[in-house]
Every structure is written in C-alpha cells, then in structure tokens.
C-alpha cells in the first residue's frame, strides 16, 4: 500500500491546497497520470502519481490546505500485497511506504510520540530549525492544528538571539524599532478554517513574495556563494541561428535561449559536481540534467520548472519544450514532476535589456547560471578591433561542493560549445 502525499513542489513550499481530484475510489491509475490539482500559492500544479495501482481511499477533501507530506490518498499497488513497501521513487517522491493506519492527515505529518503534538512541522520548517539550532519543542506553531512553520522557526530564533545578546528588558524598555518576523496572514489567524481558505489575488501575490523571500534568505544565509562571469563572443552562434531560421518555417524557428540551454546542459556533463542537490549534510550528484528555467509570472514573482533531460534533447525539441513550459507556467498549469526535480536553474534577463545577471542559488540546488543580453561590443580578434555580439554568462555556485576552478572550467566549456552551434 502506498500513500499519495502532498508533494514538496520546491524548497520554499510548506503548504498546498487541494483544488481538484482527477481520480476516485476504485479507479486504476498508472505512474505519471495526473491525479490531482494543487495550489501552491505560486501556481496551480497538476500532480502526478509515481505509483501504478487502484485507489483505495481519498483522505483529504477538495479545498483543504495541508502541510507538505500530508497523506492525500491511499493507492494499492498492482504488484504488492497489503502492507508491502512500494518501489523507490525519484528525487522528490510523492508516495512513500505506509502501513495500514486510520486516515488522519494532519496528525500524520511530522507528528512525534503521543502527547507531543506541538512537534508537528513541515519538512522545510524542520530543516530550517536544524540550521538555526532551534528545538521544535520550544516553538509555538501557527499552522493547521498547531503545525510549526518556517516563519514560526525564524520568529523563535530571532527572539532567542535577541535575548542572548542583551539583558531581558522590561515592558517599558522595549524599543519600538525591534524587528519581528510576522507569520503569513493566512496562517496567523490560527484556525483550520482560515488555513484552508483559498487565497485572493492580492493574498496570493503576498504569499508568493514571502515564499521567494524565505527561500532566498535561506540561500544567502546557508550557502557560501561564489560568483564567476565570462564574456562570450556570440558571432558564430548568432550567424548560425540566423541562417537556420531563414531556412525553416516561422513555427520552427529557434530563439537564442535554446542555444544557451543546450550549451549549458552539455557543459554540465563536463562539470557534474554543479549538477545535483545538497540534502542533509552532503551533496548528491544527479545523473540526469534537469534544467530549471526561471519564468516571470504575469502577476509578479517567478517559478523555475524543469526541462527534463535537456542534454539529450535536440534544439527543436528544446524549443518546443521551452514554449510549452513558459505558456503553462504563466497560465498556472505546471506538473508536479516539473517543479520537484530541477538539478540546476538557468535565469536569463536579456530580453529585459539586462547586461549581466548575478543570481542567487535556489536550494537545495548547488548552482545557478545567469545570462544577460546579446549586445554589440568592441572586441579584439587577432589584434584587430571590431564590433561583435557579446553575451555575459555568470555562474553562482556552492563553495561547499565546488570551487572557482571547477566553475571556471564550466564557463570555458560553455564558451567552447557556443562557438560550434551546429554541433549542439
């Protein structure tokens, strides 16, 4: 028996709202089928199952907002007897093995022994507490049924650090300028009904900004970044792209971004220590190259869903995948597999007129690649000065895993690959 759980669709996700079921009790589902829709505050995601079997029970009603990891349904696998463990999942599996137990979703998420309900916390909050040295037993949770959230952990850590730094003040001596991290408005009300309420457009935007802020603050606090950049002569790439686009129908033309994505994926083959996740206290290299593509949303904020196996796709296939991904990201129709397993993120602001990007790593990834615009610049070749289309490529990487030498090799490989666009 396998439990279909609320997936972690990004390192900054703590809660999700079940929007719709696409399966019913008694239905047979196959691995990869879209079985539910989940609102993550960033977008509505089509959630796939990693199990093939028969739906035994739906545990959560539509419209309910629950922490990541909450069991949503139970599926009896085709090749398993009752109580047997399911096959291993991917980087971020949705299902995990589960023994027969009464379906009580909130109590099963991060719950400790009987009498310790205040230990309930989302996986992200637990990692946050470990990083900040916070004992969850000391934290008051404001999530559903008292679950501890990241905001609760940060608020507790801030109060602890302030108490350690100065003598305990009296009520009259508390300075009005002291900063307190406020919980999310939709969670601060502290009731299950409030947590389950769907977010309005303004609340969604605020929640998205809070999620991005929490993720980026965690990244800068925990990850020792180093930055490298390199200017790349794009004459051959631009020339080849122009010739290609003239020779094909308009619908089959390629954007420069596709060349950059393919070159990045191939360069990662030569620098595999940039491709993977930092989980726990160790780096786990990924054999597959899933490029997270940063996409700006129309209402503000961004998401970074994955283009899977980018190194093995042809340029036309990458172009089709990019168009499809951007369209679905902006219409809120992404799939859970695209949100849960990027191994490296690529961000490009060239179309906004930006010359260079110095991005922040998206945890638990250990690297991010940035591209500015292709612009005409003075460029010396064989001692002769001329004007060439030039691109600035940048790399932010985790110093716990790699160093500047490996980062430099990656940028060198990227440059070399873009000088032979016909081979991409």
Protein backbone atom coordinates (compact mmCIF):
# COMPACT_ATOMS: atom_id res chain seq x y z
CA UNK A 1 0.00 0.00 0.00
CA UNK A 2 1.33 3.45 -0.90
CA UNK A 3 0.31 6.85 0.37
CA UNK A 4 -0.13 9.66 -2.14
CA UNK A 5 1.09 12.72 -0.24
CA UNK A 6 1.07 16.46 -0.65
CA UNK A 7 4.28 16.89 -2.69
CA UNK A 8 7.06 19.37 -1.98
CA UNK A 9 6.96 21.39 -5.19
CA UNK A 10 10.03 23.48 -4.41
CA UNK A 11 12.24 24.09 -1.38
CA UNK A 12 10.14 27.06 -0.26
CA UNK A 13 6.79 25.24 -0.22
CA UNK A 14 5.28 24.42 3.18
CA UNK A 15 1.55 24.10 2.45
CA UNK A 16 -0.64 23.29 -0.51
CA UNK A 17 -4.38 23.47 -1.16
CA UNK A 18 -6.09 20.54 -2.87
CA UNK A 19 -8.05 22.12 -5.73
CA UNK A 20 -9.41 19.06 -7.52
CA UNK A 21 -9.23 15.28 -7.67
CA UNK A 22 -8.83 13.54 -11.03
CA UNK A 23 -9.30 10.08 -9.56
CA UNK A 24 -11.95 8.37 -7.47
CA UNK A 25 -12.06 5.37 -5.16
CA UNK A 26 -11.85 2.23 -7.28
CA UNK A 27 -10.10 3.92 -10.21
CA UNK A 28 -6.96 2.38 -11.65
CA UNK A 29 -4.10 4.87 -12.08
CA UNK A 30 -0.73 4.49 -13.78
CA UNK A 31 2.60 6.05 -12.95
CA UNK A 32 2.72 9.53 -14.49
CA UNK A 33 -1.05 10.07 -14.53
CA UNK A 34 -2.27 13.47 -13.35
CA UNK A 35 -4.46 12.61 -10.37
CA UNK A 36 -4.90 15.95 -8.55
CA UNK A 37 -4.54 19.71 -8.78
CA UNK A 38 -2.73 21.57 -6.00
CA UNK A 39 -2.49 25.32 -5.37
CA UNK A 40 0.99 26.11 -4.03
CA UNK A 41 0.46 29.91 -3.62
CA UNK A 42 2.73 30.32 -6.67
CA UNK A 43 0.67 28.38 -9.17
CA UNK A 44 -1.86 25.61 -9.62
CA UNK A 45 0.10 22.41 -10.27
CA UNK A 46 -1.07 19.20 -11.94
CA UNK A 47 0.18 16.50 -9.58
CA UNK A 48 1.23 13.14 -10.97
CA UNK A 49 1.34 9.78 -9.23
CA UNK A 50 4.51 7.72 -9.05
CA UNK A 51 2.52 4.56 -8.32
CA UNK A 52 0.52 2.21 -10.53
CA UNK A 53 -2.45 0.68 -8.77
CA UNK A 54 -6.03 1.03 -7.54
CA UNK A 55 -7.27 3.97 -5.48
CA UNK A 56 -8.32 2.67 -2.07
CA UNK A 57 -9.27 5.89 -0.27
CA UNK A 58 -9.23 9.67 -0.65
CA UNK A 59 -8.18 11.20 2.66
CA UNK A 60 -8.47 14.95 2.03
CA UNK A 61 -11.42 16.92 0.72
CA UNK A 62 -11.15 19.44 -2.11
CA UNK A 63 -10.46 22.93 -0.78
CA UNK A 64 -8.38 21.75 2.18
CA UNK A 65 -5.00 23.39 2.85
CA UNK A 66 -2.48 20.98 4.40
CA UNK A 67 1.29 20.84 5.08
CA UNK A 68 3.71 19.20 2.68
CA UNK A 69 3.90 15.48 3.34
CA UNK A 70 0.26 15.10 4.39
CA UNK A 71 -1.28 11.83 3.08
CA UNK A 72 -3.92 12.73 0.49
CA UNK A 73 -4.92 9.27 -0.71
CA UNK A 74 -4.06 5.60 -0.45
CA UNK A 75 -3.25 3.51 -3.52
CA UNK A 76 -2.90 -0.26 -3.55
CA UNK A 77 -0.08 -1.09 -5.96
CA UNK A 78 -0.63 -3.70 -8.66
CA UNK A 79 2.41 -5.75 -7.72
CA UNK A 80 2.18 -5.56 -3.93
CA UNK A 81 0.32 -7.31 -1.20
CA UNK A 82 -1.27 -5.36 1.66
CA UNK A 83 1.38 -3.80 3.86
CA UNK A 84 4.28 -4.28 1.44
CA UNK A 85 6.61 -1.40 0.66
CA UNK A 86 6.37 0.39 -2.67
CA UNK A 87 9.19 0.79 -5.14
CA UNK A 88 11.59 3.64 -4.57
CA UNK A 89 10.61 6.99 -6.03
CA UNK A 90 12.67 9.75 -7.65
CA UNK A 91 14.47 12.77 -6.20
CA UNK A 92 11.30 14.03 -4.51
CA UNK A 93 8.82 11.09 -4.45
CA UNK A 94 5.17 11.84 -3.84
CA UNK A 95 4.41 8.44 -2.39
CA UNK A 96 6.11 6.67 0.49
CA UNK A 97 5.58 3.29 2.11
CA UNK A 98 2.83 3.20 4.71
CA UNK A 99 1.35 0.58 6.97
CA UNK A 100 -2.42 0.35 7.47
CA UNK A 101 -3.44 3.24 9.71
CA UNK A 102 -6.52 5.36 10.32
CA UNK A 103 -6.60 8.28 7.85
CA UNK A 104 -5.93 11.33 10.00
CA UNK A 105 -3.88 13.60 7.71
CA UNK A 106 -2.90 16.49 9.99
CA UNK A 107 -1.78 14.20 12.80
CA UNK A 108 0.40 12.09 10.49
CA UNK A 109 2.57 14.95 9.29
CA UNK A 110 5.75 15.21 11.29
CA UNK A 111 3.94 14.04 14.41
CA UNK A 112 6.03 12.94 17.35
CA UNK A 113 5.08 10.49 20.11
CA UNK A 114 1.67 10.78 21.82
CA UNK A 115 1.42 13.94 23.88
CA UNK A 116 3.89 15.83 21.68
CA UNK A 117 1.55 17.34 19.05
CA UNK A 118 3.46 20.60 19.19
CA UNK A 119 6.33 18.83 17.39
CA UNK A 120 4.34 18.76 14.12
CA UNK A 121 6.19 20.68 11.43
CA UNK A 122 6.62 20.74 7.69
CA UNK A 123 9.84 19.24 6.28
CA UNK A 124 11.07 22.72 5.34
CA UNK A 125 10.44 24.02 8.87
CA UNK A 126 12.35 21.05 10.31
CA UNK A 127 15.35 21.74 8.07
CA UNK A 128 15.14 25.41 8.97
CA UNK A 129 15.05 24.59 12.69
CA UNK A 130 18.09 22.33 12.37
CA UNK A 131 20.04 25.01 10.50
CA UNK A 132 19.20 27.67 13.11
CA UNK A 133 19.71 25.39 16.12
CA UNK A 134 16.08 25.64 17.20
CA UNK A 135 14.37 22.92 19.25
CA UNK A 136 10.90 22.40 17.75
CA UNK A 137 9.57 21.54 21.19
CA UNK A 138 10.09 25.18 22.16
CA UNK A 139 8.28 26.64 19.15
CA UNK A 140 4.61 27.59 19.10
CA UNK A 141 3.11 26.61 15.75
CA UNK A 142 0.64 28.80 13.87
CA UNK A 143 -0.10 26.36 11.04
CA UNK A 144 -3.07 23.98 10.76
CA UNK A 145 -3.60 22.05 14.01
CA UNK A 146 -0.61 23.86 15.52
CA UNK A 147 1.94 22.75 12.90
CA UNK A 148 5.21 24.67 13.09
CA UNK A 149 6.02 26.77 10.00
CA UNK A 150 9.26 28.36 8.79
CA UNK A 151 8.01 31.76 9.97
CA UNK A 152 7.46 30.29 13.45
CA UNK A 153 11.03 28.95 13.49
CA UNK A 154 12.54 32.25 12.34
CA UNK A 155 10.47 34.23 14.84
CA UNK A 156 11.60 31.94 17.66
CA UNK A 157 15.25 32.13 16.55
CA UNK A 158 15.11 35.94 16.34
CA UNK A 159 13.66 36.16 19.84
CA UNK A 160 16.27 33.74 21.19
CA UNK A 161 19.17 35.61 19.60
CA UNK A 162 17.88 38.92 20.87
CA UNK A 163 17.58 37.52 24.37
CA UNK A 164 21.13 36.18 24.22
CA UNK A 165 22.54 39.49 23.01
CA UNK A 166 21.01 41.84 25.60
CA UNK A 167 19.60 41.60 29.14
CA UNK A 168 15.90 40.83 29.26
CA UNK A 169 14.14 44.23 29.08
CA UNK A 170 11.11 45.33 30.98
CA UNK A 171 7.91 46.07 29.09
CA UNK A 172 8.61 49.81 29.29
CA UNK A 173 12.10 49.48 27.82
CA UNK A 174 11.30 47.53 24.66
CA UNK A 175 12.43 49.64 21.71
CA UNK A 176 9.75 50.20 19.09
CA UNK A 177 12.32 49.65 16.33
CA UNK A 178 12.84 45.98 17.16
CA UNK A 179 12.10 43.80 14.15
CA UNK A 180 9.73 40.86 14.46
CA UNK A 181 9.18 38.40 11.63
CA UNK A 182 5.42 38.20 11.17
CA UNK A 183 3.70 34.97 10.17
CA UNK A 184 1.78 34.73 6.94
CA UNK A 185 -1.61 36.48 7.36
CA UNK A 186 -3.48 33.40 6.20
CA UNK A 187 -1.74 31.31 8.88
CA UNK A 188 -1.58 33.85 11.68
CA UNK A 189 -5.31 33.62 12.24
CA UNK A 190 -4.52 30.22 13.71
CA UNK A 191 -7.65 28.24 12.76
CA UNK A 192 -8.00 25.31 10.39
CA UNK A 193 -10.78 27.18 8.59
CA UNK A 194 -8.51 30.18 8.00
CA UNK A 195 -5.68 27.98 6.77
CA UNK A 196 -7.99 26.21 4.34
CA UNK A 197 -9.46 29.38 2.88
CA UNK A 198 -8.46 29.96 -0.77
CA UNK A 199 -6.17 32.93 -1.32
CA UNK A 200 -7.31 36.05 -3.14
CA UNK A 201 -5.18 37.53 -5.90
CA UNK A 202 -3.55 40.04 -3.52
CA UNK A 203 -3.00 37.38 -0.84
CA UNK A 204 -1.51 35.01 -3.42
CA UNK A 205 0.92 37.69 -4.57
CA UNK A 206 1.91 38.43 -0.98
CA UNK A 207 2.32 34.72 -0.25
CA UNK A 208 4.48 34.29 -3.35
CA UNK A 209 6.71 37.17 -2.32
CA UNK A 210 7.03 35.73 1.20
CA UNK A 211 7.90 32.31 -0.20
CA UNK A 212 10.56 33.71 -2.52
CA UNK A 213 11.95 35.91 0.25
CA UNK A 214 12.17 32.97 2.66
CA UNK A 215 13.89 30.78 0.09
CA UNK A 216 16.40 33.42 -0.96
CA UNK A 217 17.12 34.44 2.63
CA UNK A 218 17.78 30.81 3.46
CA UNK A 219 20.02 30.50 0.40
CA UNK A 220 22.18 33.51 1.27
CA UNK A 221 22.33 32.51 4.93
CA UNK A 222 23.21 28.84 4.46
CA UNK A 223 25.01 28.61 1.12
CA UNK A 224 28.55 30.05 0.75
CA UNK A 225 28.16 31.50 -2.74
CA UNK A 226 30.97 32.27 -5.11
CA UNK A 227 30.43 34.14 -8.37
CA UNK A 228 32.16 33.96 -11.74
CA UNK A 229 31.34 35.57 -15.07
CA UNK A 230 32.66 35.42 -18.60
CA UNK A 231 32.05 37.41 -21.80
CA UNK A 232 31.34 35.16 -24.79
CA UNK A 233 31.68 36.10 -28.45
CA UNK A 234 28.33 35.07 -29.97
CA UNK A 235 29.20 35.82 -33.61
CA UNK A 236 29.12 32.19 -34.75
CA UNK A 237 26.04 31.35 -32.69
CA UNK A 238 24.06 34.35 -33.95
CA UNK A 239 25.18 33.75 -37.54
CA UNK A 240 24.23 30.08 -37.45
CA UNK A 241 20.88 30.87 -35.81
CA UNK A 242 20.05 33.46 -38.49
CA UNK A 243 20.81 31.02 -41.30
CA UNK A 244 18.79 28.27 -39.63
CA UNK A 245 15.74 30.45 -39.05
CA UNK A 246 15.71 31.65 -42.65
CA UNK A 247 15.63 28.06 -43.89
CA UNK A 248 12.69 26.79 -41.79
CA UNK A 249 9.02 27.78 -41.38
CA UNK A 250 8.24 30.52 -38.85
CA UNK A 251 6.78 27.97 -36.44
CA UNK A 252 10.07 26.06 -36.35
CA UNK A 253 12.41 28.99 -35.73
CA UNK A 254 14.68 28.91 -32.71
CA UNK A 255 15.34 31.53 -30.05
CA UNK A 256 18.87 32.27 -28.77
CA UNK A 257 17.72 30.98 -25.36
CA UNK A 258 17.54 27.45 -26.78
CA UNK A 259 21.21 27.52 -27.78
CA UNK A 260 22.08 28.74 -24.28
CA UNK A 261 20.05 25.99 -22.62
CA UNK A 262 21.58 23.21 -24.72
CA UNK A 263 25.12 24.54 -24.26
CA UNK A 264 24.54 24.80 -20.51
CA UNK A 265 23.29 21.22 -20.32
CA UNK A 266 26.26 19.88 -22.30
CA UNK A 267 28.73 21.92 -20.23
CA UNK A 268 27.23 20.39 -17.08
CA UNK A 269 28.20 16.97 -18.39
CA UNK A 270 31.80 18.13 -18.12
CA UNK A 271 31.26 19.68 -14.66
CA UNK A 272 28.91 17.18 -12.97
CA UNK A 273 29.59 18.50 -9.47
CA UNK A 274 27.49 21.55 -10.34
CA UNK A 275 24.51 19.32 -11.16
CA UNK A 276 22.71 17.94 -8.12
CA UNK A 277 21.27 18.70 -4.70
CA UNK A 278 22.65 19.42 -1.23
CA UNK A 279 20.50 17.39 1.15
CA UNK A 280 21.19 16.88 4.82
CA UNK A 281 24.92 17.37 5.15
CA UNK A 282 26.05 16.04 1.78
CA UNK A 283 25.93 16.67 -1.95
CA UNK A 284 24.05 14.19 -4.12
CA UNK A 285 25.08 14.35 -7.76
CA UNK A 286 22.33 13.83 -10.31
CA UNK A 287 22.91 11.60 -13.33
CA UNK A 288 20.12 13.40 -15.18
CA UNK A 289 20.34 17.07 -16.19
CA UNK A 290 17.02 18.76 -15.48
CA UNK A 291 17.33 22.49 -16.16
CA UNK A 292 15.04 24.68 -14.08
CA UNK A 293 14.00 27.61 -16.26
CA UNK A 294 13.20 30.80 -14.35
CA UNK A 295 9.88 32.14 -15.70
CA UNK A 296 8.45 35.53 -14.70
CA UNK A 297 4.73 35.33 -13.92
CA UNK A 298 2.29 37.92 -15.22
CA UNK A 299 1.10 38.85 -11.74
CA UNK A 300 4.65 39.18 -10.45
CA UNK A 301 7.14 36.73 -8.96
CA UNK A 302 8.64 33.73 -10.68
CA UNK A 303 8.76 29.95 -10.84
CA UNK A 304 11.52 27.68 -12.13
CA UNK A 305 10.06 24.44 -13.52
CA UNK A 306 12.33 21.85 -15.08
CA UNK A 307 13.00 20.92 -18.68
CA UNK A 308 13.88 17.27 -18.19
CA UNK A 309 16.96 15.66 -19.75
CA UNK A 310 17.93 18.88 -21.50
CA UNK A 311 21.29 17.47 -22.59
CA UNK A 312 19.70 14.71 -24.65
CA UNK A 313 17.11 16.82 -26.50
CA UNK A 314 17.59 18.29 -29.95
CA UNK A 315 17.34 22.05 -30.42
CA UNK A 316 13.83 21.81 -31.97
CA UNK A 317 12.72 19.60 -29.07
CA UNK A 318 14.12 22.10 -26.56
CA UNK A 319 12.37 24.96 -28.36
CA UNK A 320 9.03 23.15 -28.20
CA UNK A 321 9.58 22.26 -24.54
CA UNK A 322 10.51 25.86 -23.68
CA UNK A 323 7.45 27.34 -25.41
CA UNK A 324 5.17 24.82 -23.72
CA UNK A 325 6.73 25.31 -20.29
CA UNK A 326 6.52 29.11 -20.34
CA UNK A 327 2.91 29.06 -21.56
CA UNK A 328 1.80 26.61 -18.88
CA UNK A 329 3.77 28.38 -16.13
CA UNK A 330 2.02 31.67 -16.89
CA UNK A 331 -1.39 30.03 -17.11
CA UNK A 332 -0.86 28.04 -13.90
CA UNK A 333 -0.81 24.57 -15.47
CA UNK A 334 2.54 23.09 -14.45
CA UNK A 335 3.06 19.47 -13.46
CA UNK A 336 4.45 18.31 -10.12
CA UNK A 337 7.35 16.47 -11.79
CA UNK A 338 8.47 19.76 -13.36
CA UNK A 339 8.51 21.58 -10.03
CA UNK A 340 10.09 18.94 -7.81
CA UNK A 341 13.29 17.89 -9.55
CA UNK A 342 15.32 20.67 -11.27
CA UNK A 343 19.02 19.97 -10.74
CA UNK A 344 20.35 23.38 -11.92
CA UNK A 345 18.46 26.59 -12.63
CA UNK A 346 19.03 28.91 -15.59
CA UNK A 347 17.87 32.53 -15.47
CA UNK A 348 18.01 35.00 -18.34
CA UNK A 349 17.08 38.68 -18.31
CA UNK A 350 18.48 39.54 -21.70
CA UNK A 351 15.03 40.28 -23.11
CA UNK A 352 14.67 42.92 -20.38
CA UNK A 353 17.82 44.71 -21.50
CA UNK A 354 19.99 43.48 -18.63
CA UNK A 355 23.71 43.13 -19.45
CA UNK A 356 24.57 40.62 -16.70
CA UNK A 357 22.82 38.60 -14.01
CA UNK A 358 24.34 37.59 -10.65
CA UNK A 359 21.66 35.18 -9.40
CA UNK A 360 21.06 33.52 -6.03
CA UNK A 361 21.18 29.72 -5.81
CA UNK A 362 17.80 28.05 -5.36
CA UNK A 363 18.21 25.45 -2.57
CA UNK A 364 18.71 22.54 -2.44
CA UNK A 365 20.47 23.03 -5.79
CA UNK A 366 24.16 23.98 -5.70
CA UNK A 367 24.48 26.18 -8.79
CA UNK A 368 22.60 28.64 -10.97
CA UNK A 369 23.54 30.04 -14.38
CA UNK A 370 22.66 33.57 -15.48
CA UNK A 371 22.60 35.16 -18.93
CA UNK A 372 22.34 38.81 -19.92
CA UNK A 373 21.51 40.24 -23.32
CA UNK A 374 23.49 39.74 -26.51
CA UNK A 375 24.82 43.22 -27.27
CA UNK A 376 27.27 44.73 -29.77
CA UNK A 377 30.62 45.49 -28.16
CA UNK A 378 34.14 46.38 -29.18
CA UNK A 379 36.02 43.06 -29.42
CA UNK A 380 39.61 42.35 -30.41
CA UNK A 381 40.33 39.30 -32.60
CA UNK A 382 43.90 38.51 -33.66
CA UNK A 383 44.99 42.00 -32.69
CA UNK A 384 42.25 43.70 -34.74
CA UNK A 385 39.49 45.66 -33.06
CA UNK A 386 35.95 45.23 -34.33
CA UNK A 387 32.35 45.01 -33.18
CA UNK A 388 30.96 41.63 -32.14
CA UNK A 389 27.71 40.41 -30.49
CA UNK A 390 28.77 39.56 -26.94
CA UNK A 391 26.97 37.76 -24.11
CA UNK A 392 27.87 37.84 -20.41
CA UNK A 393 27.37 34.44 -18.76
CA UNK A 394 27.58 34.13 -14.98
CA UNK A 395 27.70 31.30 -12.51
CA UNK A 396 26.80 31.28 -8.83
CA UNK A 397 27.88 28.07 -7.12
CA UNK A 398 28.04 26.49 -3.67
CA UNK A 399 31.56 26.57 -2.19
CA UNK A 400 30.77 23.52 -0.05
CA UNK A 401 30.67 21.43 -3.23
CA UNK A 402 32.90 23.14 -5.80
CA UNK A 403 35.41 25.93 -6.09
CA UNK A 404 36.38 28.60 -8.60
CA UNK A 405 38.49 26.17 -10.61
CA UNK A 406 35.51 23.93 -11.39
CA UNK A 407 33.32 26.94 -12.03
CA UNK A 408 35.88 28.35 -14.48
CA UNK A 409 36.03 25.03 -16.33
CA UNK A 410 32.26 25.12 -16.71
CA UNK A 411 32.26 28.63 -18.20
CA UNK A 412 35.13 27.68 -20.51
CA UNK A 413 33.18 24.66 -21.75
CA UNK A 414 30.09 26.84 -22.23
CA UNK A 415 32.09 29.26 -24.39
CA UNK A 416 33.62 26.45 -26.44
CA UNK A 417 30.23 24.85 -27.12
CA UNK A 418 28.68 28.13 -28.26
CA UNK A 419 31.49 28.54 -30.80
CA UNK A 420 30.18 25.43 -32.56
CA UNK A 421 26.40 25.91 -32.58
CA UNK A 422 25.95 23.43 -35.42
CA UNK A 423 27.03 20.65 -33.05
CA UNK A 424 24.57 21.48 -30.29
